[in-house]
PDB file of N, CA and C in Angstrom:
ATOM      1  N   MET A   1      -5.933  -2.487  19.354  1.00  0.00           N
ATOM      2  CA  MET A   1      -5.273  -2.883  18.215  1.00  0.00           C
ATOM      3  C   MET A   1      -5.704  -2.341  16.867  1.00  0.00           C
ATOM      4  N   PRO A   2      -4.681  -1.830  16.459  1.00  0.00           N
ATOM      5  CA  PRO A   2      -4.991  -0.815  15.082  1.00  0.00           C
ATOM      6  C   PRO A   2      -6.026  -0.927  14.120  1.00  0.00           C
ATOM      7  N   LYS A   3      -6.364  -0.124  13.477  1.00  0.00           N
ATOM      8  CA  LYS A   3      -7.671  -0.088  12.446  1.00  0.00           C
ATOM      9  C   LYS A   3      -7.128   0.117  11.384  1.00  0.00           C
ATOM     10  N   VAL A   4      -7.423  -0.586   9.993  1.00  0.00           N
ATOM     11  CA  VAL A   4      -7.194  -0.103   8.743  1.00  0.00           C
ATOM     12  C   VAL A   4      -8.279  -0.088   8.022  1.00  0.00           C
ATOM     13  N   THR A   5      -8.614   1.156   7.231  1.00  0.00           N
ATOM     14  CA  THR A   5      -9.872   1.599   6.266  1.00  0.00           C
ATOM     15  C   THR A   5      -8.960   1.511   5.489  1.00  0.00           C
ATOM     16  N   ALA A   6      -9.654   0.536   4.512  1.00  0.00           N
ATOM     17  CA  ALA A   6      -9.332   0.982   2.847  1.00  0.00           C
ATOM     18  C   ALA A   6     -10.680  -0.025   2.220  1.00  0.00           C
ATOM     19  N   GLN A   7     -10.744   0.523   0.897  1.00  0.00           N
ATOM     20  CA  GLN A   7     -11.550  -0.006  -0.265  1.00  0.00           C
ATOM     21  C   GLN A   7     -13.351  -0.047   0.584  1.00  0.00           C
ATOM     22  N   GLY A   8     -13.315   0.777   1.528  1.00  0.00           N
ATOM     23  CA  GLY A   8     -14.862   0.552   2.047  1.00  0.00           C
ATOM     24  C   GLY A   8     -14.657  -0.375   3.379  1.00  0.00           C
ATOM     25  N   LYS A   9     -13.688  -0.994   3.727  1.00  0.00           N
ATOM     26  CA  LYS A   9     -13.767  -1.928   4.773  1.00  0.00           C
ATOM     27  C   LYS A   9     -12.722  -1.058   5.827  1.00  0.00           C
ATOM     28  N   THR A  10     -13.062  -1.660   7.376  1.00  0.00           N
ATOM     29  CA  THR A  10     -12.287  -1.365   8.155  1.00  0.00           C
ATOM     30  C   THR A  10     -12.155  -2.750   9.039  1.00  0.00           C
ATOM     31  N   VAL A  11     -10.794  -2.740   8.999  1.00  0.00           N
ATOM     32  CA  VAL A  11     -10.475  -4.004   9.722  1.00  0.00           C
ATOM     33  C   VAL A  11      -9.279  -3.928  10.952  1.00  0.00           C
ATOM     34  N   GLU A  12      -9.052  -4.850  11.790  1.00  0.00           N
ATOM     35  CA  GLU A  12      -8.077  -4.890  13.167  1.00  0.00           C
ATOM     36  C   GLU A  12      -7.009  -5.661  12.524  1.00  0.00           C
ATOM     37  N   CYS A  13      -5.790  -5.177  13.054  1.00  0.00           N
ATOM     38  CA  CYS A  13      -4.783  -6.125  12.933  1.00  0.00           C
ATOM     39  C   CYS A  13      -3.534  -6.004  14.210  1.00  0.00           C
ATOM     40  N   GLU A  14      -2.737  -6.467  13.903  1.00  0.00           N
ATOM     41  CA  GLU A  14      -1.909  -6.095  15.548  1.00  0.00           C
ATOM     42  C   GLU A  14      -1.524  -5.284  15.214  1.00  0.00           C
ATOM     43  N   SER A  15      -0.419  -4.246  16.041  1.00  0.00           N
ATOM     44  CA  SER A  15       0.478  -3.695  15.878  1.00  0.00           C
ATOM     45  C   SER A  15       1.651  -4.141  15.488  1.00  0.00           C
ATOM     46  N   GLY A  16       1.992  -3.443  14.502  1.00  0.00           N
ATOM     47  CA  GLY A  16       3.393  -3.928  13.800  1.00  0.00           C
ATOM     48  C   GLY A  16       3.249  -4.917  12.476  1.00  0.00           C
ATOM     49  N   ALA A  17       1.686  -5.169  12.324  1.00  0.00           N
ATOM     50  CA  ALA A  17       1.780  -6.104  11.111  1.00  0.00           C
ATOM     51  C   ALA A  17       1.978  -5.345   9.718  1.00  0.00           C
ATOM     52  N   ASN A  18       2.716  -6.278   8.706  1.00  0.00           N
ATOM     53  CA  ASN A  18       2.654  -6.253   7.732  1.00  0.00           C
ATOM     54  C   ASN A  18       1.464  -5.424   6.759  1.00  0.00           C
ATOM     55  N   LEU A  19       1.502  -4.306   6.196  1.00  0.00           N
ATOM     56  CA  LEU A  19       0.310  -3.935   5.679  1.00  0.00           C
ATOM     57  C   LEU A  19       0.025  -4.667   4.556  1.00  0.00           C
ATOM     58  N   ARG A  20       0.561  -4.818   3.741  1.00  0.00           N
ATOM     59  CA  ARG A  20       0.093  -5.947   2.197  1.00  0.00           C
ATOM     60  C   ARG A  20      -0.349  -7.065   2.875  1.00  0.00           C
ATOM     61  N   LYS A  21       0.087  -7.651   4.038  1.00  0.00           N
ATOM     62  CA  LYS A  21      -0.564  -9.182   4.363  1.00  0.00           C
ATOM     63  C   LYS A  21      -1.880  -9.050   4.922  1.00  0.00           C
ATOM     64  N   VAL A  22      -1.835  -7.764   5.428  1.00  0.00           N
ATOM     65  CA  VAL A  22      -3.409  -7.089   5.956  1.00  0.00           C
ATOM     66  C   VAL A  22      -4.315  -6.880   5.147  1.00  0.00           C
ATOM     67  N   LEU A  23      -4.017  -6.282   4.192  1.00  0.00           N
ATOM     68  CA  LEU A  23      -5.086  -5.739   3.124  1.00  0.00           C
ATOM     69  C   LEU A  23      -5.416  -7.193   2.348  1.00  0.00           C
ATOM     70  N   LEU A  24      -4.283  -8.016   1.804  1.00  0.00           N
ATOM     71  CA  LEU A  24      -4.865  -9.143   1.244  1.00  0.00           C
ATOM     72  C   LEU A  24      -5.666 -10.491   1.922  1.00  0.00           C
ATOM     73  N   LYS A  25      -4.891 -10.492   3.105  1.00  0.00           N
ATOM     74  CA  LYS A  25      -6.102 -11.287   3.927  1.00  0.00           C
ATOM     75  C   LYS A  25      -7.128 -10.971   4.041  1.00  0.00           C
ATOM     76  N   ASN A  26      -7.528  -9.532   4.097  1.00  0.00           N
ATOM     77  CA  ASN A  26      -9.104  -9.194   4.121  1.00  0.00           C
ATOM     78  C   ASN A  26      -9.997  -8.890   2.636  1.00  0.00           C
ATOM     79  N   GLY A  27      -9.338  -9.537   1.667  1.00  0.00           N
ATOM     80  CA  GLY A  27      -9.665  -9.213   0.269  1.00  0.00           C
ATOM     81  C   GLY A  27      -9.907  -7.996   0.038  1.00  0.00           C
ATOM     82  N   ILE A  28      -8.964  -7.235   0.067  1.00  0.00           N
ATOM     83  CA  ILE A  28      -8.566  -5.719  -0.573  1.00  0.00           C
ATOM     84  C   ILE A  28      -7.839  -5.678  -1.655  1.00  0.00           C
ATOM     85  N   ASP A  29      -8.499  -5.455  -2.742  1.00  0.00           N
ATOM     86  CA  ASP A  29      -7.553  -5.146  -3.986  1.00  0.00           C
ATOM     87  C   ASP A  29      -6.534  -4.356  -4.207  1.00  0.00           C
ATOM     88  N   LEU A  30      -5.407  -4.979  -3.685  1.00  0.00           N
ATOM     89  CA  LEU A  30      -4.217  -4.198  -3.530  1.00  0.00           C
ATOM     90  C   LEU A  30      -3.609  -3.955  -5.007  1.00  0.00           C
ATOM     91  N   TYR A  31      -3.720  -4.935  -5.583  1.00  0.00           N
ATOM     92  CA  TYR A  31      -2.858  -4.788  -6.970  1.00  0.00           C
ATOM     93  C   TYR A  31      -4.087  -4.454  -8.172  1.00  0.00           C
ATOM     94  N   ASN A  32      -3.090  -3.586  -9.317  1.00  0.00           N
ATOM     95  CA  ASN A  32      -4.120  -3.150 -10.213  1.00  0.00           C
ATOM     96  C   ASN A  32      -3.754  -4.125 -11.595  1.00  0.00           C
ATOM     97  N   GLY A  33      -4.554  -4.804 -12.240  1.00  0.00           N
ATOM     98  CA  GLY A  33      -4.424  -5.255 -13.310  1.00  0.00           C
ATOM     99  C   GLY A  33      -3.629  -6.493 -13.416  1.00  0.00           C
ATOM    100  N   GLN A  34      -2.712  -6.533 -14.344  1.00  0.00           N
ATOM    101  CA  GLN A  34      -1.961  -7.709 -14.342  1.00  0.00           C
ATOM    102  C   GLN A  34      -0.937  -7.693 -13.127  1.00  0.00           C
ATOM    103  N   SER A  35      -0.852  -6.817 -12.383  1.00  0.00           N
ATOM    104  CA  SER A  35       0.053  -6.622 -11.281  1.00  0.00           C
ATOM    105  C   SER A  35      -0.228  -7.692 -10.294  1.00  0.00           C
ATOM    106  N   LYS A  36      -1.537  -8.154 -10.408  1.00  0.00           N
ATOM    107  CA  LYS A  36      -2.355  -9.334  -9.428  1.00  0.00           C
ATOM    108  C   LYS A  36      -1.269 -10.557  -9.836  1.00  0.00           C
ATOM    109  N   LEU A  37      -0.811 -10.553 -10.940  1.00  0.00           N
ATOM    110  CA  LEU A  37      -0.042 -11.842 -11.200  1.00  0.00           C
ATOM    111  C   LEU A  37       1.491 -11.596 -11.447  1.00  0.00           C
ATOM    112  N   ILE A  38       1.557 -10.535 -11.767  1.00  0.00           N
ATOM    113  CA  ILE A  38       3.401 -10.277 -11.897  1.00  0.00           C
ATOM    114  C   ILE A  38       3.372  -9.314 -10.776  1.00  0.00           C
ATOM    115  N   ASN A  39       3.933  -9.911  -9.753  1.00  0.00           N
ATOM    116  CA  ASN A  39       4.204  -8.920  -8.602  1.00  0.00           C
ATOM    117  C   ASN A  39       5.506  -9.766  -7.773  1.00  0.00           C
ATOM    118  N   CYS A  40       6.199  -9.004  -6.993  1.00  0.00           N
ATOM    119  CA  CYS A  40       7.681  -9.663  -6.243  1.00  0.00           C
ATOM    120  C   CYS A  40       6.797 -10.717  -5.171  1.00  0.00           C
ATOM    121  N   ARG A  41       5.719 -10.177  -4.786  1.00  0.00           N
ATOM    122  CA  ARG A  41       5.000 -11.010  -3.589  1.00  0.00           C
ATOM    123  C   ARG A  41       5.666 -10.866  -1.895  1.00  0.00           C
ATOM    124  N   GLY A  42       6.182  -9.196  -1.943  1.00  0.00           N
ATOM    125  CA  GLY A  42       6.346  -8.954  -1.152  1.00  0.00           C
ATOM    126  C   GLY A  42       7.747  -8.343  -0.652  1.00  0.00           C
ATOM    127  N   ILE A  43       8.851  -8.595  -1.405  1.00  0.00           N
ATOM    128  CA  ILE A  43      10.021  -8.187  -1.150  1.00  0.00           C
ATOM    129  C   ILE A  43      10.643  -6.892  -1.466  1.00  0.00           C
ATOM    130  N   GLY A  44       9.572  -6.060  -1.827  1.00  0.00           N
ATOM    131  CA  GLY A  44       9.830  -4.847  -2.192  1.00  0.00           C
ATOM    132  C   GLY A  44      10.726  -4.369  -3.233  1.00  0.00           C
ATOM    133  N   SER A  45      10.679  -5.154  -4.425  1.00  0.00           N
ATOM    134  CA  SER A  45      11.448  -4.700  -5.532  1.00  0.00           C
ATOM    135  C   SER A  45      10.745  -4.536  -6.770  1.00  0.00           C
ATOM    136  N   CYS A  46       9.056  -4.639  -6.770  1.00  0.00           N
ATOM    137  CA  CYS A  46       8.678  -4.388  -7.964  1.00  0.00           C
ATOM    138  C   CYS A  46       7.752  -2.964  -7.809  1.00  0.00           C
ATOM    139  N   GLY A  47       7.217  -2.647  -6.769  1.00  0.00           N
ATOM    140  CA  GLY A  47       6.397  -1.307  -6.351  1.00  0.00           C
ATOM    141  C   GLY A  47       5.127  -1.347  -6.902  1.00  0.00           C
ATOM    142  N   THR A  48       4.499  -2.402  -7.227  1.00  0.00           N
ATOM    143  CA  THR A  48       3.325  -2.691  -7.493  1.00  0.00           C
ATOM    144  C   THR A  48       1.962  -2.362  -6.430  1.00  0.00           C
ATOM    145  N   CYS A  49       2.862  -2.102  -5.096  1.00  0.00           N
ATOM    146  CA  CYS A  49       1.849  -2.369  -4.023  1.00  0.00           C
ATOM    147  C   CYS A  49       1.676  -0.949  -3.357  1.00  0.00           C
ATOM    148  N   ALA A  50       1.933   0.165  -4.098  1.00  0.00           N
ATOM    149  CA  ALA A  50       2.197   1.613  -3.689  1.00  0.00           C
ATOM    150  C   ALA A  50       0.945   2.010  -3.313  1.00  0.00           C
ATOM    151  N   VAL A  51       0.884   2.700  -2.291  1.00  0.00           N
ATOM    152  CA  VAL A  51      -0.394   2.956  -1.770  1.00  0.00           C
ATOM    153  C   VAL A  51      -0.211   4.330  -0.949  1.00  0.00           C
ATOM    154  N   ARG A  52      -1.115   5.223  -1.065  1.00  0.00           N
ATOM    155  CA  ARG A  52      -0.905   6.307   0.194  1.00  0.00           C
ATOM    156  C   ARG A  52      -1.543   5.933   1.500  1.00  0.00           C
ATOM    157  N   ILE A  53      -1.046   6.481   2.280  1.00  0.00           N
ATOM    158  CA  ILE A  53      -1.347   6.158   3.839  1.00  0.00           C
ATOM    159  C   ILE A  53      -1.339   7.490   4.629  1.00  0.00           C
ATOM    160  N   GLU A  54      -2.770   7.678   5.174  1.00  0.00           N
ATOM    161  CA  GLU A  54      -2.871   8.508   6.320  1.00  0.00           C
ATOM    162  C   GLU A  54      -2.741   7.829   7.794  1.00  0.00           C
ATOM    163  N   GLY A  55      -1.970   8.087   8.596  1.00  0.00           N
ATOM    164  CA  GLY A  55      -2.026   7.690  10.152  1.00  0.00           C
ATOM    165  C   GLY A  55      -0.437   6.985   9.864  1.00  0.00           C
ATOM    166  N   PRO A  56      -0.178   6.395  11.339  1.00  0.00           N
ATOM    167  CA  PRO A  56       0.983   6.274  12.228  1.00  0.00           C
ATOM    168  C   PRO A  56       1.210   4.755  11.461  1.00  0.00           C
ATOM    169  N   VAL A  57       2.689   4.543  10.783  1.00  0.00           N
ATOM    170  CA  VAL A  57       3.231   3.582  10.186  1.00  0.00           C
ATOM    171  C   VAL A  57       4.656   3.588  10.569  1.00  0.00           C
ATOM    172  N   SER A  58       5.237   2.185  10.333  1.00  0.00           N
ATOM    173  CA  SER A  58       6.618   2.430  10.190  1.00  0.00           C
ATOM    174  C   SER A  58       7.432   3.510   9.263  1.00  0.00           C
ATOM    175  N   VAL A  59       8.823   4.003   9.816  1.00  0.00           N
ATOM    176  CA  VAL A  59       9.486   4.447   9.035  1.00  0.00           C
ATOM    177  C   VAL A  59       9.979   3.866   7.934  1.00  0.00           C
ATOM    178  N   VAL A  60       9.959   5.035   6.805  1.00  0.00           N
ATOM    179  CA  VAL A  60      10.799   4.168   5.174  1.00  0.00           C
ATOM    180  C   VAL A  60      11.643   3.464   5.299  1.00  0.00           C
ATOM    181  N   ASN A  61      11.781   2.219   5.064  1.00  0.00           N
ATOM    182  CA  ASN A  61      13.060   1.465   4.776  1.00  0.00           C
ATOM    183  C   ASN A  61      13.727   1.784   3.541  1.00  0.00           C
ATOM    184  N   TRP A  62      14.883   1.113   3.352  1.00  0.00           N
ATOM    185  CA  TRP A  62      15.774   1.397   2.188  1.00  0.00           C
ATOM    186  C   TRP A  62      15.471   0.896   1.310  1.00  0.00           C
ATOM    187  N   ARG A  63      14.543  -0.495   0.955  1.00  0.00           N
ATOM    188  CA  ARG A  63      13.733  -0.962   0.012  1.00  0.00           C
ATOM    189  C   ARG A  63      12.753  -0.208  -0.889  1.00  0.00           C
ATOM    190  N   ASP A  64      12.078   0.630   0.288  1.00  0.00           N
ATOM    191  CA  ASP A  64      10.997   1.515   0.048  1.00  0.00           C
ATOM    192  C   ASP A  64      11.493   2.818  -0.800  1.00  0.00           C
ATOM    193  N   ARG A  65      12.161   3.271   0.014  1.00  0.00           N
ATOM    194  CA  ARG A  65      12.553   4.243  -0.415  1.00  0.00           C
ATOM    195  C   ARG A  65      13.534   4.195  -2.153  1.00  0.00           C
ATOM    196  N   ALA A  66      14.384   3.201  -2.029  1.00  0.00           N
ATOM    197  CA  ALA A  66      15.224   2.804  -3.413  1.00  0.00           C
ATOM    198  C   ALA A  66      14.137   2.582  -4.592  1.00  0.00           C
ATOM    199  N   ARG A  67      13.219   1.666  -4.524  1.00  0.00           N
ATOM    200  CA  ARG A  67      12.178   1.260  -5.267  1.00  0.00           C
ATOM    201  C   ARG A  67      11.381   2.571  -5.739  1.00  0.00           C
ATOM    202  N   ARG A  68      10.915   3.303  -5.050  1.00  0.00           N
ATOM    203  CA  ARG A  68      10.284   4.638  -5.155  1.00  0.00           C
ATOM    204  C   ARG A  68      11.029   5.789  -5.996  1.00  0.00           C
ATOM    205  N   SER A  69      12.213   5.403  -5.942  1.00  0.00           N
ATOM    206  CA  SER A  69      13.323   6.524  -6.410  1.00  0.00           C
ATOM    207  C   SER A  69      13.340   6.290  -7.984  1.00  0.00           C
ATOM    208  N   PHE A  70      12.907   5.318  -8.574  1.00  0.00           N
ATOM    209  CA  PHE A  70      12.720   4.957  -9.944  1.00  0.00           C
ATOM    210  C   PHE A  70      11.653   4.830 -10.611  1.00  0.00           C
ATOM    211  N   PRO A  71      11.540   5.439 -11.930  1.00  0.00           N
ATOM    212  CA  PRO A  71      10.706   5.625 -12.592  1.00  0.00           C
ATOM    213  C   PRO A  71      10.068   4.335 -12.514  1.00  0.00           C
ATOM    214  N   PRO A  72       8.627   3.952 -12.597  1.00  0.00           N
ATOM    215  CA  PRO A  72       7.759   5.266 -12.994  1.00  0.00           C
ATOM    216  C   PRO A  72       7.432   5.861 -11.826  1.00  0.00           C
ATOM    217  N   HIS A  73       7.603   5.230 -10.687  1.00  0.00           N
ATOM    218  CA  HIS A  73       7.563   5.828  -9.339  1.00  0.00           C
ATOM    219  C   HIS A  73       8.465   7.556  -9.244  1.00  0.00           C
ATOM    220  N   SER A  74       7.969   8.396  -8.454  1.00  0.00           N
ATOM    221  CA  SER A  74       8.468   9.260  -7.913  1.00  0.00           C
ATOM    222  C   SER A  74       8.920   9.423  -6.289  1.00  0.00           C
ATOM    223  N   SER A  75      10.116   9.618  -6.015  1.00  0.00           N
ATOM    224  CA  SER A  75      10.266   9.890  -4.401  1.00  0.00           C
ATOM    225  C   SER A  75       9.251  11.096  -4.012  1.00  0.00           C
ATOM    226  N   GLU A  76       8.970  12.232  -5.230  1.00  0.00           N
ATOM    227  CA  GLU A  76       8.180  13.186  -4.553  1.00  0.00           C
ATOM    228  C   GLU A  76       6.945  12.852  -4.225  1.00  0.00           C
ATOM    229  N   ARG A  77       6.078  11.898  -4.598  1.00  0.00           N
ATOM    230  CA  ARG A  77       4.861  11.461  -4.105  1.00  0.00           C
ATOM    231  C   ARG A  77       4.958  10.867  -2.748  1.00  0.00           C
ATOM    232  N   ASP A  78       3.841  11.073  -2.136  1.00  0.00           N
ATOM    233  CA  ASP A  78       3.187  10.571  -0.677  1.00  0.00           C
ATOM    234  C   ASP A  78       3.221   9.124  -0.695  1.00  0.00           C
ATOM    235  N   LEU A  79       3.428   8.265  -1.650  1.00  0.00           N
ATOM    236  CA  LEU A  79       3.482   6.929  -1.593  1.00  0.00           C
ATOM    237  C   LEU A  79       3.946   5.849  -0.851  1.00  0.00           C
ATOM    238  N   ARG A  80       3.444   4.719  -0.246  1.00  0.00           N
ATOM    239  CA  ARG A  80       4.288   3.802   0.358  1.00  0.00           C
ATOM    240  C   ARG A  80       3.890   2.388  -0.283  1.00  0.00           C
ATOM    241  N   LEU A  81       5.205   1.975  -0.170  1.00  0.00           N
ATOM    242  CA  LEU A  81       5.037   0.539  -0.503  1.00  0.00           C
ATOM    243  C   LEU A  81       4.539  -0.371   0.441  1.00  0.00           C
ATOM    244  N   ALA A  82       3.241  -0.944   0.572  1.00  0.00           N
ATOM    245  CA  ALA A  82       2.653  -1.682   1.567  1.00  0.00           C
ATOM    246  C   ALA A  82       3.435  -2.912   2.080  1.00  0.00           C
ATOM    247  N   CYS A  83       4.274  -3.663   1.021  1.00  0.00           N
ATOM    248  CA  CYS A  83       4.682  -4.806   1.766  1.00  0.00           C
ATOM    249  C   CYS A  83       5.942  -4.256   2.623  1.00  0.00           C
ATOM    250  N   GLN A  84       6.443  -3.045   2.649  1.00  0.00           N
ATOM    251  CA  GLN A  84       7.586  -2.618   3.333  1.00  0.00           C
ATOM    252  C   GLN A  84       6.843  -1.917   4.567  1.00  0.00           C
ATOM    253  N   THR A  85       5.569  -2.009   4.904  1.00  0.00           N
ATOM    254  CA  THR A  85       5.361  -0.565   5.574  1.00  0.00           C
ATOM    255  C   THR A  85       4.353  -1.771   7.122  1.00  0.00           C
ATOM    256  N   GLN A  86       4.855  -1.261   8.117  1.00  0.00           N
ATOM    257  CA  GLN A  86       4.242  -1.847   9.215  1.00  0.00           C
ATOM    258  C   GLN A  86       3.012  -0.636   9.827  1.00  0.00           C
ATOM    259  N   VAL A  87       2.231  -1.369  10.047  1.00  0.00           N
ATOM    260  CA  VAL A  87       0.815  -0.536  10.566  1.00  0.00           C
ATOM    261  C   VAL A  87       0.947  -0.421  12.093  1.00  0.00           C
ATOM    262  N   LEU A  88       1.134   1.066  12.640  1.00  0.00           N
ATOM    263  CA  LEU A  88       1.566   1.229  14.390  1.00  0.00           C
ATOM    264  C   LEU A  88       0.144   1.515  14.691  1.00  0.00           C
ATOM    265  N   GLY A  89      -0.658   2.351  14.144  1.00  0.00           N
ATOM    266  CA  GLY A  89      -1.812   2.681  14.609  1.00  0.00           C
ATOM    267  C   GLY A  89      -3.213   2.896  13.516  1.00  0.00           C
ATOM    268  N   ASP A  90      -4.548   3.544  13.642  1.00  0.00           N
ATOM    269  CA  ASP A  90      -5.255   3.314  13.051  1.00  0.00           C
ATOM    270  C   ASP A  90      -5.038   4.235  11.448  1.00  0.00           C
ATOM    271  N   ILE A  91      -4.871   3.591  10.621  1.00  0.00           N
ATOM    272  CA  ILE A  91      -5.191   4.337   8.925  1.00  0.00           C
ATOM    273  C   ILE A  91      -5.813   4.124   8.162  1.00  0.00           C
ATOM    274  N   ARG A  92      -5.705   5.032   7.262  1.00  0.00           N
ATOM    275  CA  ARG A  92      -6.527   5.010   6.036  1.00  0.00           C
ATOM    276  C   ARG A  92      -5.860   4.915   4.798  1.00  0.00           C
ATOM    277  N   VAL A  93      -6.279   3.838   3.801  1.00  0.00           N
ATOM    278  CA  VAL A  93      -5.451   3.520   2.865  1.00  0.00           C
ATOM    279  C   VAL A  93      -6.123   3.779   1.546  1.00  0.00           C
ATOM    280  N   THR A  94      -5.378   4.674   0.479  1.00  0.00           N
ATOM    281  CA  THR A  94      -5.858   4.708  -0.772  1.00  0.00           C
ATOM    282  C   THR A  94      -4.684   4.318  -1.830  1.00  0.00           C
ATOM    283  N   LYS A  95      -5.692   3.521  -2.957  1.00  0.00           N
ATOM    284  CA  LYS A  95      -4.751   2.979  -3.890  1.00  0.00           C
ATOM    285  C   LYS A  95      -4.825   3.576  -5.226  1.00  0.00           C
ATOM    286  N   TYR A  96      -3.951   4.061  -6.192  1.00  0.00           N
ATOM    287  CA  TYR A  96      -4.154   4.669  -7.445  1.00  0.00           C
ATOM    288  C   TYR A  96      -4.063   4.095  -8.458  1.00  0.00           C
ATOM    289  N   THR A  97      -4.364   4.599  -9.666  1.00  0.00           N
ATOM    290  CA  THR A  97      -4.378   3.840 -11.096  1.00  0.00           C
ATOM    291  C   THR A  97      -3.239   3.679 -11.474  1.00  0.00           C
ATOM    292  N   LYS A  98      -2.951   2.855 -12.643  1.00  0.00           N
ATOM    293  CA  LYS A  98      -1.798   2.755 -13.457  1.00  0.00           C
ATOM    294  C   LYS A  98      -1.108   1.418 -12.696  1.00  0.00           C
ATOM    295  N   PHE A  99      -0.514   0.725 -13.605  1.00  0.00           N
ATOM    296  CA  PHE A  99       0.158  -0.532 -13.378  1.00  0.00           C
ATOM    297  C   PHE A  99       0.732  -0.509 -12.023  1.00  0.00           C
ATOM    298  N   TRP A 100       1.678   0.123 -11.579  1.00  0.00           N
ATOM    299  CA  TRP A 100       2.624   0.456 -10.360  1.00  0.00           C
ATOM    300  C   TRP A 100       1.807   1.196  -9.218  1.00  0.00           C
ATOM    301  N   GLY A 101       0.539   1.722  -9.594  1.00  0.00           N
ATOM    302  CA  GLY A 101      -0.207   2.376  -8.760  1.00  0.00           C
ATOM    303  C   GLY A 101       0.296   3.740  -8.407  1.00  0.00           C
ATOM    304  N   GLN A 102       0.947   4.113  -9.450  1.00  0.00           N
ATOM    305  CA  GLN A 102       1.263   5.816  -9.444  1.00  0.00           C
ATOM    306  C   GLN A 102       0.832   6.591 -10.290  1.00  0.00           C
ATOM    307  N   GLY A 103      -0.347   6.370 -10.416  1.00  0.00           N
ATOM    308  CA  GLY A 103      -1.353   7.330 -11.464  1.00  0.00           C
ATOM    309  C   GLY A 103      -1.887   8.303 -10.573  1.00  0.00           C
ATOM    310  N   ALA A 104      -2.233   9.316 -10.946  1.00  0.00           N
ATOM    311  CA  ALA A 104      -2.833  10.456 -10.576  1.00  0.00           C
ATOM    312  C   ALA A 104      -4.222  10.201  -9.965  1.00  0.00           C
ATOM    313  N   GLU A 105      -5.277   9.319 -10.457  1.00  0.00           N
ATOM    314  CA  GLU A 105      -6.613   9.161  -9.818  1.00  0.00           C
ATOM    315  C   GLU A 105      -6.617   8.034  -9.284  1.00  0.00           C
ATOM    316  N   SER A 106      -7.562   7.889  -7.900  1.00  0.00           N
ATOM    317  CA  SER A 106      -7.530   6.756  -7.176  1.00  0.00           C
ATOM    318  C   SER A 106      -8.404   5.870  -7.730  1.00  0.00           C
ATOM    319  N   VAL A 107      -8.190   4.616  -7.497  1.00  0.00           N
ATOM    320  CA  VAL A 107      -8.928   3.254  -7.821  1.00  0.00           C
ATOM    321  C   VAL A 107      -9.807   3.595  -6.856  1.00  0.00           C
ATOM    322  N   TRP A 108      -9.139   3.275  -5.356  1.00  0.00           N
ATOM    323  CA  TRP A 108     -10.418   3.168  -4.268  1.00  0.00           C
ATOM    324  C   TRP A 108      -9.806   4.054  -3.316  1.00  0.00           C
ATOM    325  N   THR A 109     -10.919   4.503  -2.538  1.00  0.00           N
ATOM    326  CA  THR A 109     -10.223   5.138  -1.481  1.00  0.00           C
ATOM    327  C   THR A 109     -10.392   4.503  -0.002  1.00  0.00           C
ATOM    328  N   PRO A 110     -10.345   4.833   1.254  1.00  0.00           N
ATOM    329  CA  PRO A 110     -10.728   4.280   2.219  1.00  0.00           C
ATOM    330  C   PRO A 110     -12.309   4.147   2.184  1.00  0.00           C
ATOM    331  N   GLU A 111     -13.091   4.986   1.823  1.00  0.00           N
ATOM    332  CA  GLU A 111     -14.457   4.747   1.790  1.00  0.00           C
ATOM    333  C   GLU A 111     -14.947   4.034   0.551  1.00  0.00           C
ATOM    334  N   ASP A 112     -14.431   3.427  -0.166  1.00  0.00           N
ATOM    335  CA  ASP A 112     -15.199   3.210  -1.397  1.00  0.00           C
ATOM    336  C   ASP A 112     -15.060   1.533  -1.237  1.00  0.00           C
ATOM    337  N   ALA A 113     -16.308   1.158  -1.614  1.00  0.00           N
ATOM    338  CA  ALA A 113     -16.711   0.020  -1.323  1.00  0.00           C
ATOM    339  C   ALA A 113     -16.301  -0.946  -2.730  1.00  0.00           C
TER     340      ALA A 113
END
């Protein structure tokens, strides 16, 4: 079973599990500020669940690619939408600042509790 390390926690999930669901189920703060209330609930249209992922995950789908191609996101950044990403092996996740998670500084890293 793959392991997801984020915000100081390491949790196991099924291979192919949706990253957004895994993080939320395990009490990991995926959303910044008011995006906890105002988000698309996993359909890939808002972009507030953007995170940096190290490790094997599914290929980028059209929803993820399309949303991150519009401001305030940039397709040049190595971010992914957690709601559109499947966990395929052990991964490490980092969340960044600003409403959509597109900031330059991290809110939490894999090691931060």
